[in-house]
Amino acid sequence: MPRKFEPVLRKKEEKGTGADPAVSAKSNHCLDAAKACNLNDNCKKLRSSYISICNREISATERCNRRKCHKALRQFFDRVPSEYTYRMLFCSCQDQACAERRRQTILPSCSYEDKEKPNCLDLRSLCRTDHLCRSRLADFHANCRASYQTLTSCPADNYQACLGSYAGMIGFDITPNYVDSSPTSIVVSPWCSCRGSGNMEEDCEKFLRDFAENPCLRNAIQAFGNGTDVNLSPKNPAVQATQAPRVEKMPSLPDDLSDSTGLGTSVITTCTSVQEQGLKANNSEELSMCFTELTTNIIPGSNKVIRPNSGPCRARPSAALTAVSFLMLKLAL
């Protein structure tokens, strides 16, 4: 951090909550994240760049060049790996000094706060006029929308997508940040209010709640800070679809025999008849055999299927007729 900023944080960290400074320093994950960034050349360079730009006063009335500050912030979060940026932005805290360092990550006096809070709908409209801001706001709503059908309240239980969308919005007028230095209560929001929204107040409040009262975003930040987001998202289990037994060397169907013929019904009926007759059969072998028998003897140029004379699934209509005829002849005698 720059000279005028770093000492202030050190004093606050030493005060903390009255704890031993040495113990406080050990538990300050945000300070550890800043040190880790300084050990990486790219992270250190881009971090030093935005700190310098965002802290540079232009005049007595203008604290900094807000536009240049936002551009430098976007470059930092876009070009530095998330293993460094996320640790600084979503670090977990046990005291106020740590939480204040976390809040100061983006230097809010220039990039976030202003003399007066604008209306949130005005900020949203301004964002939508910029194609990049509009795209990233849409990503945020898609990846961080509260989902009550998942374990984590995030769509597809994907914390990383939500955190990435949140970080992607930093560097615009709609930049979100922590609203205070509370180490336990995580509330983030753009610098805006719904005062003066008129008949659009409900829409404005809904937009503001997407940040300040979003369970997906809050859970994602807490999980990352606590290290409980690792391998949290369950892998989609392979769908065990029930399929027809595979037929080896299955011949192609004749041109006039479509896939919508009664072939599938014949397979089901014939193979089911094995079970109905009480015949003991190995399911995998018998079903495969039934399917093979009905699909390997097709008369070219017709829709008829010839069943072979042997096999566990064949029907015996000729034998049945012979038996009936013999019985009737015997009774007649």
C-alpha atoms as a PDB file:
ATOM      1  CA  MET A   1       0.000   0.000   0.000  1.00  0.00           C
ATOM      2  CA  PRO A   2       1.199   3.613  -0.471  1.00  0.00           C
ATOM      3  CA  ARG A   3       2.834   5.453   2.378  1.00  0.00           C
ATOM      4  CA  LYS A   4      -0.192   7.501   3.296  1.00  0.00           C
ATOM      5  CA  PHE A   5      -2.401   4.434   3.411  1.00  0.00           C
ATOM      6  CA  GLU A   6      -0.272   1.639   4.862  1.00  0.00           C
ATOM      7  CA  PRO A   7       0.515   3.265   8.262  1.00  0.00           C
ATOM      8  CA  VAL A   8      -3.167   3.937   8.883  1.00  0.00           C
ATOM      9  CA  LEU A   9      -3.956   0.286   8.386  1.00  0.00           C
ATOM     10  CA  ARG A  10      -1.075  -0.787  10.591  1.00  0.00           C
ATOM     11  CA  LYS A  11      -2.356   1.386  13.455  1.00  0.00           C
ATOM     12  CA  LYS A  12      -5.839  -0.016  13.082  1.00  0.00           C
ATOM     13  CA  GLU A  13      -4.509  -3.537  12.979  1.00  0.00           C
ATOM     14  CA  GLU A  14      -2.505  -2.948  16.136  1.00  0.00           C
ATOM     15  CA  LYS A  15      -5.587  -1.583  17.872  1.00  0.00           C
ATOM     16  CA  GLY A  16      -7.860  -4.222  16.377  1.00  0.00           C
ATOM     17  CA  THR A  17     -10.154  -5.445  19.122  1.00  0.00           C
ATOM     18  CA  GLY A  18      -7.586  -5.013  21.870  1.00  0.00           C
ATOM     19  CA  ALA A  19      -5.749  -8.217  20.987  1.00  0.00           C
ATOM     20  CA  ASP A  20      -1.995  -8.713  20.945  1.00  0.00           C
ATOM     21  CA  PRO A  21      -0.616  -7.114  17.715  1.00  0.00           C
ATOM     22  CA  ALA A  22       1.472 -10.205  17.000  1.00  0.00           C
ATOM     23  CA  VAL A  23      -1.543 -12.469  17.297  1.00  0.00           C
ATOM     24  CA  SER A  24      -3.662 -10.027  15.290  1.00  0.00           C
ATOM     25  CA  ALA A  25      -1.101  -9.934  12.497  1.00  0.00           C
ATOM     26  CA  LYS A  26      -1.074 -13.723  12.273  1.00  0.00           C
ATOM     27  CA  SER A  27      -4.849 -13.857  11.884  1.00  0.00           C
ATOM     28  CA  ASN A  28      -5.033 -11.027   9.328  1.00  0.00           C
ATOM     29  CA  HIS A  29      -5.625 -12.993   6.149  1.00  0.00           C
ATOM     30  CA  CYS A  30      -6.093  -9.802   4.142  1.00  0.00           C
ATOM     31  CA  LEU A  31      -2.625  -8.618   5.115  1.00  0.00           C
ATOM     32  CA  ASP A  32      -1.236 -12.022   4.153  1.00  0.00           C
ATOM     33  CA  ALA A  33      -2.968 -11.718   0.784  1.00  0.00           C
ATOM     34  CA  ALA A  34      -1.381  -8.321   0.149  1.00  0.00           C
ATOM     35  CA  LYS A  35       2.052  -9.737   0.997  1.00  0.00           C
ATOM     36  CA  ALA A  36       1.490 -12.667  -1.347  1.00  0.00           C
ATOM     37  CA  CYS A  37       0.600 -10.228  -4.145  1.00  0.00           C
ATOM     38  CA  ASN A  38       3.855  -8.332  -3.575  1.00  0.00           C
ATOM     39  CA  LEU A  39       5.795 -11.542  -4.099  1.00  0.00           C
ATOM     40  CA  ASN A  40       4.369 -11.890  -7.614  1.00  0.00           C
ATOM     41  CA  ASP A  41       5.857  -9.426 -10.102  1.00  0.00           C
ATOM     42  CA  ASN A  42       2.722  -9.017 -12.219  1.00  0.00           C
ATOM     43  CA  CYS A  43       0.411  -8.649  -9.221  1.00  0.00           C
ATOM     44  CA  LYS A  44       2.738  -6.201  -7.513  1.00  0.00           C
ATOM     45  CA  LYS A  45       3.161  -4.084 -10.646  1.00  0.00           C
ATOM     46  CA  LEU A  46      -0.550  -3.749 -11.456  1.00  0.00           C
ATOM     47  CA  ARG A  47      -1.505  -3.279  -7.812  1.00  0.00           C
ATOM     48  CA  SER A  48       1.053  -0.506  -7.387  1.00  0.00           C
ATOM     49  CA  SER A  49      -0.265   1.087 -10.574  1.00  0.00           C
ATOM     50  CA  TYR A  50      -3.901   1.338  -9.470  1.00  0.00           C
ATOM     51  CA  ILE A  51      -2.948   2.403  -5.945  1.00  0.00           C
ATOM     52  CA  SER A  52      -0.830   5.227  -7.344  1.00  0.00           C
ATOM     53  CA  ILE A  53      -3.515   6.375  -9.793  1.00  0.00           C
ATOM     54  CA  CYS A  54      -6.427   6.112  -7.361  1.00  0.00           C
ATOM     55  CA  ASN A  55      -4.529   7.999  -4.635  1.00  0.00           C
ATOM     56  CA  ARG A  56      -3.379  10.865  -6.838  1.00  0.00           C
ATOM     57  CA  GLU A  57      -5.235  14.092  -6.062  1.00  0.00           C
ATOM     58  CA  ILE A  58      -6.055  16.315  -9.028  1.00  0.00           C
ATOM     59  CA  SER A  59      -7.214  19.430  -7.184  1.00  0.00           C
ATOM     60  CA  ALA A  60      -8.636  20.568  -3.883  1.00  0.00           C
ATOM     61  CA  THR A  61     -12.127  19.745  -5.055  1.00  0.00           C
ATOM     62  CA  GLU A  62     -11.355  16.607  -7.060  1.00  0.00           C
ATOM     63  CA  ARG A  63      -9.759  13.822  -5.051  1.00  0.00           C
ATOM     64  CA  CYS A  64      -8.668  11.669  -7.986  1.00  0.00           C
ATOM     65  CA  ASN A  65      -9.231  10.830 -11.608  1.00  0.00           C
ATOM     66  CA  ARG A  66     -12.075   8.385 -11.154  1.00  0.00           C
ATOM     67  CA  ARG A  67     -12.093   7.258 -14.780  1.00  0.00           C
ATOM     68  CA  LYS A  68      -8.372   6.379 -14.755  1.00  0.00           C
ATOM     69  CA  CYS A  69      -8.749   4.734 -11.353  1.00  0.00           C
ATOM     70  CA  HIS A  70     -11.502   2.477 -12.685  1.00  0.00           C
ATOM     71  CA  LYS A  71      -9.454   1.574 -15.748  1.00  0.00           C
ATOM     72  CA  ALA A  72      -6.458   0.631 -13.592  1.00  0.00           C
ATOM     73  CA  LEU A  73      -8.694  -1.490 -11.352  1.00  0.00           C
ATOM     74  CA  ARG A  74     -10.154  -3.332 -14.331  1.00  0.00           C
ATOM     75  CA  GLN A  75      -6.670  -4.102 -15.578  1.00  0.00           C
ATOM     76  CA  PHE A  76      -5.677  -5.438 -12.164  1.00  0.00           C
ATOM     77  CA  PHE A  77      -8.632  -7.812 -11.821  1.00  0.00           C
ATOM     78  CA  ASP A  78      -8.547  -8.848 -15.485  1.00  0.00           C
ATOM     79  CA  ARG A  79      -4.806  -9.505 -15.796  1.00  0.00           C
ATOM     80  CA  VAL A  80      -3.844 -10.845 -12.381  1.00  0.00           C
ATOM     81  CA  PRO A  81      -4.696 -14.491 -11.585  1.00  0.00           C
ATOM     82  CA  SER A  82      -7.617 -14.967  -9.229  1.00  0.00           C
ATOM     83  CA  GLU A  83      -5.406 -16.809  -6.750  1.00  0.00           C
ATOM     84  CA  TYR A  84      -4.066 -13.352  -5.820  1.00  0.00           C
ATOM     85  CA  THR A  85      -7.022 -11.028  -6.474  1.00  0.00           C
ATOM     86  CA  TYR A  86      -9.619 -13.234  -4.759  1.00  0.00           C
ATOM     87  CA  ARG A  87      -7.463 -13.595  -1.660  1.00  0.00           C
ATOM     88  CA  MET A  88      -7.315  -9.816  -1.319  1.00  0.00           C
ATOM     89  CA  LEU A  89     -10.973  -9.201  -2.096  1.00  0.00           C
ATOM     90  CA  PHE A  90     -12.641 -12.088  -0.255  1.00  0.00           C
ATOM     91  CA  CYS A  91     -10.271 -12.748   2.654  1.00  0.00           C
ATOM     92  CA  SER A  92     -11.871 -13.788   5.939  1.00  0.00           C
ATOM     93  CA  CYS A  93     -11.504 -11.508   8.962  1.00  0.00           C
ATOM     94  CA  GLN A  94     -11.769 -11.844  12.714  1.00  0.00           C
ATOM     95  CA  ASP A  95     -11.332  -8.190  13.650  1.00  0.00           C
ATOM     96  CA  GLN A  96     -12.231  -4.758  12.365  1.00  0.00           C
ATOM     97  CA  ALA A  97      -8.696  -3.868  11.253  1.00  0.00           C
ATOM     98  CA  CYS A  98      -8.654  -6.820   8.872  1.00  0.00           C
ATOM     99  CA  ALA A  99     -12.152  -6.020   7.594  1.00  0.00           C
ATOM    100  CA  GLU A 100     -11.137  -2.419   6.959  1.00  0.00           C
ATOM    101  CA  ARG A 101      -8.154  -3.565   4.911  1.00  0.00           C
ATOM    102  CA  ARG A 102     -10.520  -5.773   2.904  1.00  0.00           C
ATOM    103  CA  ARG A 103     -12.850  -2.824   2.319  1.00  0.00           C
ATOM    104  CA  GLN A 104      -9.909  -0.660   1.252  1.00  0.00           C
ATOM    105  CA  THR A 105      -8.735  -3.193  -1.343  1.00  0.00           C
ATOM    106  CA  ILE A 106     -10.211  -1.091  -4.151  1.00  0.00           C
ATOM    107  CA  LEU A 107      -9.488   2.266  -2.463  1.00  0.00           C
ATOM    108  CA  PRO A 108     -13.135   3.296  -2.035  1.00  0.00           C
ATOM    109  CA  SER A 109     -12.454   7.001  -1.557  1.00  0.00           C
ATOM    110  CA  CYS A 110     -11.842   7.190  -5.305  1.00  0.00           C
ATOM    111  CA  SER A 111     -13.267   4.100  -6.972  1.00  0.00           C
ATOM    112  CA  TYR A 112     -16.380   3.590  -4.877  1.00  0.00           C
ATOM    113  CA  GLU A 113     -17.612   6.461  -2.738  1.00  0.00           C
ATOM    114  CA  ASP A 114     -18.770   9.863  -3.871  1.00  0.00           C
ATOM    115  CA  LYS A 115     -20.043  13.045  -2.265  1.00  0.00           C
ATOM    116  CA  GLU A 116     -23.651  11.910  -2.595  1.00  0.00           C
ATOM    117  CA  LYS A 117     -25.172   8.549  -3.280  1.00  0.00           C
ATOM    118  CA  PRO A 118     -26.822   8.431  -6.713  1.00  0.00           C
ATOM    119  CA  ASN A 119     -30.006   6.501  -7.379  1.00  0.00           C
ATOM    120  CA  CYS A 120     -29.338   2.803  -8.016  1.00  0.00           C
ATOM    121  CA  LEU A 121     -31.518   2.757 -11.123  1.00  0.00           C
ATOM    122  CA  ASP A 122     -29.504   5.638 -12.554  1.00  0.00           C
ATOM    123  CA  LEU A 123     -26.321   3.642 -11.968  1.00  0.00           C
ATOM    124  CA  ARG A 124     -27.877   0.617 -13.627  1.00  0.00           C
ATOM    125  CA  SER A 125     -28.983   2.661 -16.626  1.00  0.00           C
ATOM    126  CA  LEU A 126     -25.517   4.170 -16.919  1.00  0.00           C
ATOM    127  CA  CYS A 127     -23.989   0.701 -16.829  1.00  0.00           C
ATOM    128  CA  ARG A 128     -26.297  -0.528 -19.564  1.00  0.00           C
ATOM    129  CA  THR A 129     -25.080   2.186 -21.928  1.00  0.00           C
ATOM    130  CA  ASP A 130     -21.587   0.642 -21.838  1.00  0.00           C
ATOM    131  CA  HIS A 131     -21.392  -2.704 -23.643  1.00  0.00           C
ATOM    132  CA  LEU A 132     -18.721  -4.142 -21.324  1.00  0.00           C
ATOM    133  CA  CYS A 133     -20.449  -3.052 -18.120  1.00  0.00           C
ATOM    134  CA  ARG A 134     -23.793  -4.290 -19.450  1.00  0.00           C
ATOM    135  CA  SER A 135     -22.309  -7.678 -20.259  1.00  0.00           C
ATOM    136  CA  ARG A 136     -20.692  -8.055 -16.853  1.00  0.00           C
ATOM    137  CA  LEU A 137     -23.820  -6.987 -15.020  1.00  0.00           C
ATOM    138  CA  ALA A 138     -25.752  -9.629 -16.951  1.00  0.00           C
ATOM    139  CA  ASP A 139     -23.133 -12.207 -15.947  1.00  0.00           C
ATOM    140  CA  PHE A 140     -23.510 -11.205 -12.316  1.00  0.00           C
ATOM    141  CA  HIS A 141     -27.277 -11.637 -12.390  1.00  0.00           C
ATOM    142  CA  ALA A 142     -26.902 -14.998 -14.134  1.00  0.00           C
ATOM    143  CA  ASN A 143     -24.158 -16.444 -11.914  1.00  0.00           C
ATOM    144  CA  CYS A 144     -25.101 -14.931  -8.557  1.00  0.00           C
ATOM    145  CA  ARG A 145     -28.880 -15.061  -8.648  1.00  0.00           C
ATOM    146  CA  ALA A 146     -30.263 -16.717  -5.545  1.00  0.00           C
ATOM    147  CA  SER A 147     -31.208 -20.314  -6.302  1.00  0.00           C
ATOM    148  CA  TYR A 148     -33.241 -22.100  -3.647  1.00  0.00           C
ATOM    149  CA  GLN A 149     -32.951 -25.434  -5.426  1.00  0.00           C
ATOM    150  CA  THR A 150     -29.244 -25.837  -4.684  1.00  0.00           C
ATOM    151  CA  LEU A 151     -27.268 -26.549  -1.549  1.00  0.00           C
ATOM    152  CA  THR A 152     -25.255 -23.312  -1.705  1.00  0.00           C
ATOM    153  CA  SER A 153     -28.017 -20.987  -3.002  1.00  0.00           C
ATOM    154  CA  CYS A 154     -25.892 -20.472  -6.137  1.00  0.00           C
ATOM    155  CA  PRO A 155     -26.812 -21.669  -9.626  1.00  0.00           C
ATOM    156  CA  ALA A 156     -25.316 -25.145 -10.124  1.00  0.00           C
ATOM    157  CA  ASP A 157     -23.566 -24.715  -6.745  1.00  0.00           C
ATOM    158  CA  ASN A 158     -20.862 -22.760  -8.593  1.00  0.00           C
ATOM    159  CA  TYR A 159     -19.191 -20.347  -6.169  1.00  0.00           C
ATOM    160  CA  GLN A 160     -16.340 -19.537  -8.564  1.00  0.00           C
ATOM    161  CA  ALA A 161     -18.671 -18.251 -11.276  1.00  0.00           C
ATOM    162  CA  CYS A 162     -20.376 -15.886  -8.830  1.00  0.00           C
ATOM    163  CA  LEU A 163     -17.122 -14.542  -7.384  1.00  0.00           C
ATOM    164  CA  GLY A 164     -15.718 -14.048 -10.874  1.00  0.00           C
ATOM    165  CA  SER A 165     -18.810 -12.107 -11.978  1.00  0.00           C
ATOM    166  CA  TYR A 166     -18.649  -9.943  -8.861  1.00  0.00           C
ATOM    167  CA  ALA A 167     -14.952  -9.136  -9.370  1.00  0.00           C
ATOM    168  CA  GLY A 168     -15.632  -8.426 -13.040  1.00  0.00           C
ATOM    169  CA  MET A 169     -17.882  -5.485 -12.125  1.00  0.00           C
ATOM    170  CA  ILE A 170     -15.138  -3.660 -10.237  1.00  0.00           C
ATOM    171  CA  GLY A 171     -13.852  -0.725 -12.260  1.00  0.00           C
ATOM    172  CA  PHE A 172     -17.170   0.741 -13.368  1.00  0.00           C
ATOM    173  CA  ASP A 173     -19.483   3.367 -11.870  1.00  0.00           C
ATOM    174  CA  ILE A 174     -21.548   0.484 -10.522  1.00  0.00           C
ATOM    175  CA  THR A 175     -18.518  -0.932  -8.670  1.00  0.00           C
ATOM    176  CA  PRO A 176     -19.655  -2.915  -5.588  1.00  0.00           C
ATOM    177  CA  ASN A 177     -17.797  -3.001  -2.274  1.00  0.00           C
ATOM    178  CA  TYR A 178     -18.207  -3.826   1.411  1.00  0.00           C
ATOM    179  CA  VAL A 179     -20.487  -1.246   2.994  1.00  0.00           C
ATOM    180  CA  ASP A 180     -18.657  -1.235   6.349  1.00  0.00           C
ATOM    181  CA  SER A 181     -15.758  -2.729   8.304  1.00  0.00           C
ATOM    182  CA  SER A 182     -17.706  -5.400  10.123  1.00  0.00           C
ATOM    183  CA  PRO A 183     -15.646  -8.615  10.318  1.00  0.00           C
ATOM    184  CA  THR A 184     -18.696 -10.835  10.829  1.00  0.00           C
ATOM    185  CA  SER A 185     -21.504  -9.307   8.761  1.00  0.00           C
ATOM    186  CA  ILE A 186     -20.728  -9.385   5.043  1.00  0.00           C
ATOM    187  CA  VAL A 187     -22.818  -6.818   3.176  1.00  0.00           C
ATOM    188  CA  VAL A 188     -21.762  -5.586  -0.258  1.00  0.00           C
ATOM    189  CA  SER A 189     -23.451  -3.053  -2.475  1.00  0.00           C
ATOM    190  CA  PRO A 190     -22.840  -0.435  -5.136  1.00  0.00           C
ATOM    191  CA  TRP A 191     -22.578   3.109  -3.794  1.00  0.00           C
ATOM    192  CA  CYS A 192     -26.216   4.060  -4.330  1.00  0.00           C
ATOM    193  CA  SER A 193     -29.628   4.309  -2.716  1.00  0.00           C
ATOM    194  CA  CYS A 194     -33.258   4.068  -3.789  1.00  0.00           C
ATOM    195  CA  ARG A 195     -34.207   7.468  -2.492  1.00  0.00           C
ATOM    196  CA  GLY A 196     -36.207   9.396  -5.074  1.00  0.00           C
ATOM    197  CA  SER A 197     -37.116   6.348  -7.157  1.00  0.00           C
ATOM    198  CA  GLY A 198     -40.800   7.284  -7.320  1.00  0.00           C
ATOM    199  CA  ASN A 199     -42.983   4.541  -8.745  1.00  0.00           C
ATOM    200  CA  MET A 200     -39.820   2.569  -9.595  1.00  0.00           C
ATOM    201  CA  GLU A 201     -38.870   2.126  -5.953  1.00  0.00           C
ATOM    202  CA  GLU A 202     -39.788  -1.567  -5.869  1.00  0.00           C
ATOM    203  CA  ASP A 203     -37.623  -2.267  -8.913  1.00  0.00           C
ATOM    204  CA  CYS A 204     -34.803  -0.282  -7.345  1.00  0.00           C
ATOM    205  CA  GLU A 205     -34.999  -2.137  -4.042  1.00  0.00           C
ATOM    206  CA  LYS A 206     -34.945  -5.451  -5.864  1.00  0.00           C
ATOM    207  CA  PHE A 207     -31.803  -4.428  -7.729  1.00  0.00           C
ATOM    208  CA  LEU A 208     -30.139  -3.360  -4.491  1.00  0.00           C
ATOM    209  CA  ARG A 209     -31.094  -6.612  -2.743  1.00  0.00           C
ATOM    210  CA  ASP A 210     -29.348  -8.554  -5.510  1.00  0.00           C
ATOM    211  CA  PHE A 211     -26.157  -7.320  -3.862  1.00  0.00           C
ATOM    212  CA  ALA A 212     -26.863  -6.504  -0.234  1.00  0.00           C
ATOM    213  CA  GLU A 213     -29.165  -9.444   0.557  1.00  0.00           C
ATOM    214  CA  ASN A 214     -27.953 -12.079  -1.863  1.00  0.00           C
ATOM    215  CA  PRO A 215     -27.429 -15.465  -0.131  1.00  0.00           C
ATOM    216  CA  CYS A 216     -25.455 -16.874  -3.064  1.00  0.00           C
ATOM    217  CA  LEU A 217     -22.962 -14.006  -3.079  1.00  0.00           C
ATOM    218  CA  ARG A 218     -22.661 -13.959   0.709  1.00  0.00           C
ATOM    219  CA  ASN A 219     -22.141 -17.714   0.923  1.00  0.00           C
ATOM    220  CA  ALA A 220     -19.587 -17.614  -1.889  1.00  0.00           C
ATOM    221  CA  ILE A 221     -17.531 -14.899  -0.177  1.00  0.00           C
ATOM    222  CA  GLN A 222     -17.672 -16.641   3.195  1.00  0.00           C
ATOM    223  CA  ALA A 223     -16.799 -20.038   1.718  1.00  0.00           C
ATOM    224  CA  PHE A 224     -13.796 -18.655  -0.129  1.00  0.00           C
ATOM    225  CA  GLY A 225     -12.536 -16.812   2.939  1.00  0.00           C
ATOM    226  CA  ASN A 226     -12.950 -19.889   5.115  1.00  0.00           C
ATOM    227  CA  GLY A 227     -11.474 -22.213   2.527  1.00  0.00           C
ATOM    228  CA  THR A 228     -14.618 -24.339   2.404  1.00  0.00           C
ATOM    229  CA  ASP A 229     -15.258 -23.749  -1.293  1.00  0.00           C
ATOM    230  CA  VAL A 230     -12.618 -26.262  -2.401  1.00  0.00           C
ATOM    231  CA  ASN A 231     -14.175 -29.091  -4.398  1.00  0.00           C
ATOM    232  CA  LEU A 232     -17.580 -28.047  -3.082  1.00  0.00           C
ATOM    233  CA  SER A 233     -19.406 -28.194  -6.373  1.00  0.00           C
ATOM    234  CA  PRO A 234     -20.451 -31.820  -6.926  1.00  0.00           C
ATOM    235  CA  LYS A 235     -19.578 -33.296 -10.263  1.00  0.00           C
ATOM    236  CA  ASN A 236     -22.586 -34.130 -12.351  1.00  0.00           C
ATOM    237  CA  PRO A 237     -23.077 -37.875 -11.991  1.00  0.00           C
ATOM    238  CA  ALA A 238     -23.053 -39.887 -15.164  1.00  0.00           C
ATOM    239  CA  VAL A 239     -26.601 -40.533 -16.247  1.00  0.00           C
ATOM    240  CA  GLN A 240     -27.316 -44.232 -16.254  1.00  0.00           C
ATOM    241  CA  ALA A 241     -29.777 -44.270 -19.089  1.00  0.00           C
ATOM    242  CA  THR A 242     -31.684 -47.450 -19.774  1.00  0.00           C
ATOM    243  CA  GLN A 243     -30.808 -48.515 -23.286  1.00  0.00           C
ATOM    244  CA  ALA A 244     -31.662 -51.433 -25.489  1.00  0.00           C
ATOM    245  CA  PRO A 245     -29.053 -54.199 -25.445  1.00  0.00           C
ATOM    246  CA  ARG A 246     -26.264 -53.545 -27.885  1.00  0.00           C
ATOM    247  CA  VAL A 247     -26.425 -55.578 -31.064  1.00  0.00           C
ATOM    248  CA  GLU A 248     -23.182 -56.552 -32.708  1.00  0.00           C
ATOM    249  CA  LYS A 249     -22.956 -56.369 -36.488  1.00  0.00           C
ATOM    250  CA  MET A 250     -26.517 -55.190 -36.869  1.00  0.00           C
ATOM    251  CA  PRO A 251     -27.462 -54.966 -40.555  1.00  0.00           C
ATOM    252  CA  SER A 252     -28.818 -51.769 -41.984  1.00  0.00           C
ATOM    253  CA  LEU A 253     -32.558 -51.474 -42.344  1.00  0.00           C
ATOM    254  CA  PRO A 254     -34.114 -51.797 -45.801  1.00  0.00           C
ATOM    255  CA  ASP A 255     -34.987 -48.513 -47.461  1.00  0.00           C
ATOM    256  CA  ASP A 256     -38.730 -49.008 -46.992  1.00  0.00           C
ATOM    257  CA  LEU A 257     -38.447 -50.002 -43.324  1.00  0.00           C
ATOM    258  CA  SER A 258     -38.477 -46.927 -41.134  1.00  0.00           C
ATOM    259  CA  ASP A 259     -37.326 -46.634 -37.539  1.00  0.00           C
ATOM    260  CA  SER A 260     -40.920 -46.096 -36.466  1.00  0.00           C
ATOM    261  CA  THR A 261     -42.142 -49.594 -37.289  1.00  0.00           C
ATOM    262  CA  GLY A 262     -43.450 -52.018 -34.716  1.00  0.00           C
ATOM    263  CA  LEU A 263     -40.018 -53.557 -34.279  1.00  0.00           C
ATOM    264  CA  GLY A 264     -39.467 -52.037 -30.858  1.00  0.00           C
ATOM    265  CA  THR A 265     -42.864 -53.266 -29.657  1.00  0.00           C
ATOM    266  CA  SER A 266     -42.107 -56.765 -30.896  1.00  0.00           C
ATOM    267  CA  VAL A 267     -38.892 -56.819 -28.923  1.00  0.00           C
ATOM    268  CA  ILE A 268     -40.636 -55.788 -25.712  1.00  0.00           C
ATOM    269  CA  THR A 269     -43.569 -58.172 -26.203  1.00  0.00           C
ATOM    270  CA  THR A 270     -41.479 -61.191 -27.079  1.00  0.00           C
ATOM    271  CA  CYS A 271     -38.903 -60.708 -24.353  1.00  0.00           C
ATOM    272  CA  THR A 272     -41.596 -60.041 -21.784  1.00  0.00           C
ATOM    273  CA  SER A 273     -43.325 -63.279 -22.721  1.00  0.00           C
ATOM    274  CA  VAL A 274     -40.291 -65.190 -21.468  1.00  0.00           C
ATOM    275  CA  GLN A 275     -40.924 -63.852 -17.962  1.00  0.00           C
ATOM    276  CA  GLU A 276     -44.706 -64.310 -18.224  1.00  0.00           C
ATOM    277  CA  GLN A 277     -44.259 -67.976 -19.040  1.00  0.00           C
ATOM    278  CA  GLY A 278     -42.192 -68.404 -15.904  1.00  0.00           C
ATOM    279  CA  LEU A 279     -39.030 -69.305 -17.749  1.00  0.00           C
ATOM    280  CA  LYS A 280     -35.893 -68.722 -15.784  1.00  0.00           C
ATOM    281  CA  ALA A 281     -33.607 -66.496 -17.773  1.00  0.00           C
ATOM    282  CA  ASN A 282     -30.471 -64.438 -17.300  1.00  0.00           C
ATOM    283  CA  ASN A 283     -31.699 -60.896 -17.966  1.00  0.00           C
ATOM    284  CA  SER A 284     -28.674 -59.540 -19.803  1.00  0.00           C
ATOM    285  CA  GLU A 285     -28.112 -62.589 -21.992  1.00  0.00           C
ATOM    286  CA  GLU A 286     -31.768 -63.339 -22.686  1.00  0.00           C
ATOM    287  CA  LEU A 287     -32.732 -59.779 -23.508  1.00  0.00           C
ATOM    288  CA  SER A 288     -29.745 -59.431 -25.790  1.00  0.00           C
ATOM    289  CA  MET A 289     -30.633 -62.699 -27.457  1.00  0.00           C
ATOM    290  CA  CYS A 290     -34.279 -61.657 -27.893  1.00  0.00           C
ATOM    291  CA  PHE A 291     -33.237 -58.379 -29.448  1.00  0.00           C
ATOM    292  CA  THR A 292     -30.725 -60.058 -31.730  1.00  0.00           C
ATOM    293  CA  GLU A 293     -33.186 -62.646 -32.922  1.00  0.00           C
ATOM    294  CA  LEU A 294     -35.737 -60.047 -33.913  1.00  0.00           C
ATOM    295  CA  THR A 295     -33.317 -57.737 -35.696  1.00  0.00           C
ATOM    296  CA  THR A 296     -31.112 -60.079 -37.667  1.00  0.00           C
ATOM    297  CA  ASN A 297     -33.806 -61.755 -39.755  1.00  0.00           C
ATOM    298  CA  ILE A 298     -35.600 -59.084 -41.717  1.00  0.00           C
ATOM    299  CA  ILE A 299     -37.049 -59.814 -45.139  1.00  0.00           C
ATOM    300  CA  PRO A 300     -35.599 -57.251 -47.560  1.00  0.00           C
ATOM    301  CA  GLY A 301     -38.277 -55.112 -49.129  1.00  0.00           C
ATOM    302  CA  SER A 302     -40.904 -55.772 -46.459  1.00  0.00           C
ATOM    303  CA  ASN A 303     -41.834 -54.797 -42.908  1.00  0.00           C
ATOM    304  CA  LYS A 304     -41.964 -58.385 -41.705  1.00  0.00           C
ATOM    305  CA  VAL A 305     -39.615 -59.844 -39.172  1.00  0.00           C
ATOM    306  CA  ILE A 306     -38.917 -63.582 -39.375  1.00  0.00           C
ATOM    307  CA  ARG A 307     -38.300 -65.214 -36.042  1.00  0.00           C
ATOM    308  CA  PRO A 308     -35.897 -68.118 -36.069  1.00  0.00           C
ATOM    309  CA  ASN A 309     -37.081 -71.612 -35.203  1.00  0.00           C
ATOM    310  CA  SER A 310     -34.850 -71.867 -32.174  1.00  0.00           C
ATOM    311  CA  GLY A 311     -34.125 -69.672 -29.167  1.00  0.00           C
ATOM    312  CA  PRO A 312     -35.601 -68.974 -25.765  1.00  0.00           C
ATOM    313  CA  CYS A 313     -37.835 -66.148 -26.997  1.00  0.00           C
ATOM    314  CA  ARG A 314     -39.465 -67.734 -30.028  1.00  0.00           C
ATOM    315  CA  ALA A 315     -43.207 -68.334 -30.106  1.00  0.00           C
ATOM    316  CA  ARG A 316     -44.546 -71.764 -31.273  1.00  0.00           C
ATOM    317  CA  PRO A 317     -47.926 -71.102 -32.990  1.00  0.00           C
ATOM    318  CA  SER A 318     -47.588 -74.149 -35.321  1.00  0.00           C
ATOM    319  CA  ALA A 319     -46.959 -76.594 -32.453  1.00  0.00           C
ATOM    320  CA  ALA A 320     -49.957 -75.220 -30.539  1.00  0.00           C
ATOM    321  CA  LEU A 321     -52.286 -75.669 -33.549  1.00  0.00           C
ATOM    322  CA  THR A 322     -51.066 -79.239 -34.073  1.00  0.00           C
ATOM    323  CA  ALA A 323     -51.765 -80.116 -30.449  1.00  0.00           C
ATOM    324  CA  VAL A 324     -55.291 -78.647 -30.593  1.00  0.00           C
ATOM    325  CA  SER A 325     -56.092 -80.495 -33.818  1.00  0.00           C
ATOM    326  CA  PHE A 326     -54.856 -83.807 -32.355  1.00  0.00           C
ATOM    327  CA  LEU A 327     -56.975 -83.281 -29.205  1.00  0.00           C
ATOM    328  CA  MET A 328     -60.142 -82.491 -31.194  1.00  0.00           C
ATOM    329  CA  LEU A 329     -59.601 -85.566 -33.410  1.00  0.00           C
ATOM    330  CA  LYS A 330     -59.146 -87.801 -30.357  1.00  0.00           C
ATOM    331  CA  LEU A 331     -62.377 -86.459 -28.762  1.00  0.00           C
ATOM    332  CA  ALA A 332     -64.265 -87.000 -32.011  1.00  0.00           C
ATOM    333  CA  LEU A 333     -63.181 -90.619 -31.999  1.00  0.00           C
END
